[in-house]
Amino acid sequence: MDHPAPIRNLVREFSRLPGIGAKSATRLAYHLLSTSDEGAKRLADAIIELRQRIGLCEVCFQLTDVNPCATCSDQARDHSLICVVEQPPDVSAIERSSQYRGMYHVLHGSISPLDDVGPDELKIAELIKRASSPDVTEVILATNPTKEGEATAVYIADKLSSIDVRVTRIAHGIPVGGEVEYTDSATLGLALGGRREM
């Protein structure tokens, strides 16, 4: 049996979301049909509010509903450190570690010539400008350990080489609780290359 047009339309829109296949989209659509009008309106209002109120921080380019964002406005944080990440969710991941109290800079992607994404499509020029401030002492490159992330880190490090700022790269290696025997060779190589004094 074919679904009525409004259900098909909603299923199609849900299917465009990352990680949502046709079956999940159909379940979501039918769930909304069983939800009260108030519940459906709350969902619709939340989506509209998200689109209307969320923008980019004028300093770090993180998603925010205030400008500058709460992190950039927090005087208790270390403004001499800038951690560079590819996407806004990366900030949340680092914050969950509770190990970092500096600033962030969100690139909104990584250099990927195959996808027509070059340095000019990212927030790299803005990073160079921020790193040029005498208040900044270190830039931590926390891009993903992919070919694109590594290429982006190398490019940024090269651009920052003429500035009096320390440039570091986050370590990659064996996860906590992991076993050497079951770790892939690329991860082991990164772990060995990033070793430090005890």
Protein backbone atom coordinates (compact mmCIF):
# COMPACT_ATOMS: atom_id res chain seq x y z
CA MET A 1 0.00 0.00 0.00
CA ASP A 2 1.31 3.44 -0.92
CA HIS A 3 1.33 6.12 1.75
CA PRO A 4 -0.80 9.25 1.36
CA ALA A 5 1.10 12.21 -0.11
CA PRO A 6 1.63 14.10 3.21
CA ILE A 7 3.24 11.00 4.77
CA ARG A 8 5.39 10.41 1.67
CA ASN A 9 6.54 14.03 1.78
CA LEU A 10 7.49 13.82 5.47
CA VAL A 11 9.23 10.47 4.98
CA ARG A 12 11.23 11.99 2.11
CA GLU A 13 12.29 14.95 4.27
CA PHE A 14 13.23 12.75 7.25
CA SER A 15 15.23 10.49 4.90
CA ARG A 16 17.44 13.45 4.01
CA LEU A 17 18.69 13.62 7.59
CA PRO A 18 22.01 11.87 8.28
CA GLY A 19 21.62 8.35 9.62
CA ILE A 20 17.91 8.17 8.83
CA GLY A 21 16.90 5.52 6.31
CA ALA A 22 13.49 4.97 4.72
CA LYS A 23 12.29 2.65 7.51
CA SER A 24 13.31 5.00 10.30
CA ALA A 25 11.81 7.95 8.42
CA THR A 26 8.53 6.07 8.05
CA ARG A 27 8.48 5.22 11.78
CA LEU A 28 9.10 8.87 12.65
CA ALA A 29 6.31 10.02 10.36
CA TYR A 30 3.82 7.57 11.87
CA HIS A 31 4.98 8.50 15.37
CA LEU A 32 4.18 12.14 14.63
CA LEU A 33 0.70 11.09 13.52
CA SER A 34 0.11 9.57 16.95
CA THR A 35 1.48 12.67 18.73
CA SER A 36 -0.88 15.35 20.00
CA ASP A 37 -1.27 18.57 18.04
CA GLU A 38 0.62 20.33 20.85
CA GLY A 39 3.52 17.87 20.58
CA ALA A 40 3.73 18.30 16.82
CA LYS A 41 3.59 22.08 17.20
CA ARG A 42 6.40 22.01 19.80
CA LEU A 43 8.58 20.06 17.36
CA ALA A 44 7.77 22.44 14.50
CA ASP A 45 8.42 25.48 16.73
CA ALA A 46 11.76 24.04 17.90
CA ILE A 47 12.87 23.55 14.27
CA ILE A 48 11.83 27.09 13.34
CA GLU A 49 13.57 28.53 16.42
CA LEU A 50 16.72 26.58 15.56
CA ARG A 51 16.78 28.05 12.06
CA GLN A 52 16.00 31.59 13.23
CA ARG A 53 18.19 31.91 16.33
CA ILE A 54 21.32 29.84 15.69
CA GLY A 55 24.19 31.53 13.88
CA LEU A 56 27.98 31.56 13.91
CA CYS A 57 30.04 33.19 16.64
CA GLU A 58 31.83 36.19 15.15
CA VAL A 59 35.06 35.13 16.88
CA CYS A 60 35.37 31.32 16.78
CA PHE A 61 32.61 30.37 14.28
CA GLN A 62 30.96 27.93 16.68
CA LEU A 63 27.17 27.63 16.50
CA THR A 64 25.57 29.98 19.02
CA ASP A 65 22.46 31.95 19.89
CA VAL A 66 24.50 34.85 21.37
CA ASN A 67 27.38 36.77 19.84
CA PRO A 68 30.14 36.29 20.79
CA CYS A 69 29.44 32.79 22.06
CA ALA A 70 29.54 31.81 25.75
CA THR A 71 33.02 30.28 25.39
CA CYS A 72 34.56 33.36 23.77
CA SER A 73 32.91 35.59 26.40
CA ASP A 74 34.11 33.48 29.35
CA GLN A 75 36.95 35.38 31.03
CA ALA A 76 37.77 32.32 33.18
CA ARG A 77 38.97 30.44 30.10
CA ASP A 78 42.54 30.64 28.76
CA HIS A 79 42.38 33.06 25.82
CA SER A 80 46.02 32.36 24.91
CA LEU A 81 45.12 28.89 23.56
CA ILE A 82 43.15 28.21 20.37
CA CYS A 83 42.03 24.67 19.57
CA VAL A 84 41.24 24.28 15.88
CA VAL A 85 38.50 21.78 14.95
CA GLU A 86 36.73 20.88 11.73
CA GLN A 87 33.07 21.01 12.76
CA PRO A 88 30.90 22.42 15.60
CA PRO A 89 30.20 18.98 17.18
CA ASP A 90 33.98 18.58 17.67
CA VAL A 91 33.85 21.39 20.24
CA SER A 92 31.26 19.48 22.27
CA ALA A 93 33.38 16.32 22.13
CA ILE A 94 36.45 18.15 23.47
CA GLU A 95 34.41 19.90 26.15
CA ARG A 96 33.11 16.52 27.38
CA SER A 97 36.71 15.51 28.13
CA SER A 98 36.95 18.33 30.74
CA GLN A 99 40.68 18.55 29.88
CA TYR A 100 40.69 21.82 27.92
CA ARG A 101 39.85 25.34 29.07
CA GLY A 102 41.04 27.44 26.14
CA MET A 103 39.37 28.96 23.09
CA TYR A 104 38.20 27.25 19.89
CA HIS A 105 38.23 27.94 16.18
CA VAL A 106 35.82 26.01 13.94
CA LEU A 107 36.96 25.62 10.31
CA HIS A 108 33.63 24.26 9.01
CA GLY A 109 35.28 21.48 7.05
CA SER A 110 38.66 20.30 5.86
CA ILE A 111 40.68 20.77 2.69
CA SER A 112 39.33 18.28 0.15
CA PRO A 113 40.19 18.96 -3.50
CA LEU A 114 37.95 16.08 -4.64
CA ASP A 115 34.98 17.88 -3.07
CA ASP A 116 36.11 21.29 -4.35
CA VAL A 117 36.89 22.46 -0.81
CA GLY A 118 40.03 24.55 -0.68
CA PRO A 119 41.48 26.79 2.05
CA ASP A 120 39.35 29.72 0.90
CA GLU A 121 36.14 27.79 1.63
CA LEU A 122 37.19 27.31 5.27
CA LYS A 123 37.72 29.73 8.16
CA ILE A 124 41.52 29.56 7.82
CA ALA A 125 42.19 33.23 7.03
CA GLU A 126 40.24 34.17 10.16
CA LEU A 127 42.34 31.72 12.20
CA ILE A 128 45.60 33.24 10.91
CA LYS A 129 44.35 36.67 11.91
CA ARG A 130 43.39 35.47 15.41
CA ALA A 131 46.70 33.62 15.88
CA SER A 132 48.59 36.80 14.97
CA SER A 133 47.40 38.46 18.19
CA PRO A 134 50.19 38.82 20.77
CA ASP A 135 47.77 37.36 23.34
CA VAL A 136 47.75 33.95 21.58
CA THR A 137 50.65 31.67 22.52
CA GLU A 138 49.55 28.28 21.14
CA VAL A 139 47.36 26.90 18.36
CA ILE A 140 46.33 23.27 18.84
CA LEU A 141 45.39 21.50 15.62
CA ALA A 142 42.61 19.03 16.43
CA THR A 143 41.48 18.15 12.92
CA ASN A 144 40.44 14.57 12.25
CA PRO A 145 43.12 11.90 11.59
CA THR A 146 41.96 11.49 7.98
CA LYS A 147 43.83 12.39 4.79
CA GLU A 148 41.80 15.58 4.55
CA GLY A 149 42.26 16.42 8.24
CA GLU A 150 45.99 15.81 8.08
CA ALA A 151 46.31 17.90 4.90
CA THR A 152 44.40 20.71 6.59
CA ALA A 153 46.63 20.54 9.69
CA VAL A 154 49.80 20.63 7.56
CA TYR A 155 48.47 23.57 5.54
CA ILE A 156 47.58 25.55 8.68
CA ALA A 157 50.91 24.75 10.35
CA ASP A 158 52.70 26.04 7.26
CA LYS A 159 50.65 29.25 7.26
CA LEU A 160 51.37 29.79 10.97
CA SER A 161 55.12 29.16 10.63
CA SER A 162 55.81 32.86 10.07
CA ILE A 163 53.92 33.87 13.21
CA ASP A 164 55.43 33.78 16.69
CA VAL A 165 53.02 31.16 18.02
CA ARG A 166 53.50 27.56 19.12
CA VAL A 167 51.68 25.10 16.84
CA THR A 168 50.85 21.65 18.21
CA ARG A 169 48.87 18.66 16.96
CA ILE A 170 46.68 16.48 19.17
CA ALA A 171 48.04 13.00 19.74
CA HIS A 172 46.43 10.01 18.04
CA GLY A 173 46.76 6.47 19.20
CA ILE A 174 45.36 3.53 21.08
CA PRO A 175 42.06 4.28 22.86
CA VAL A 176 41.88 3.92 26.63
CA GLY A 177 40.99 0.32 27.37
CA GLY A 178 42.19 -0.84 23.95
CA GLU A 179 44.69 -3.62 23.38
CA VAL A 180 47.83 -3.35 21.25
CA GLU A 181 47.20 -6.78 19.69
CA TYR A 182 43.85 -5.67 18.24
CA THR A 183 44.84 -2.14 17.18
CA ASP A 184 45.19 -1.44 13.46
CA SER A 185 48.64 -0.67 12.09
CA ALA A 186 47.86 2.96 11.15
CA THR A 187 46.72 3.74 14.71
CA LEU A 188 49.76 1.96 16.16
CA GLY A 189 52.01 4.00 13.89
CA LEU A 190 50.43 7.24 15.10
CA ALA A 191 50.72 6.10 18.71
CA LEU A 192 54.41 5.31 18.31
CA GLY A 193 55.08 8.56 16.47
CA GLY A 194 53.30 10.57 19.17
CA ARG A 195 55.05 8.96 22.12
CA ARG A 196 56.23 11.19 24.97
CA GLU A 197 58.51 11.09 28.00
CA MET A 198 57.20 9.37 31.14
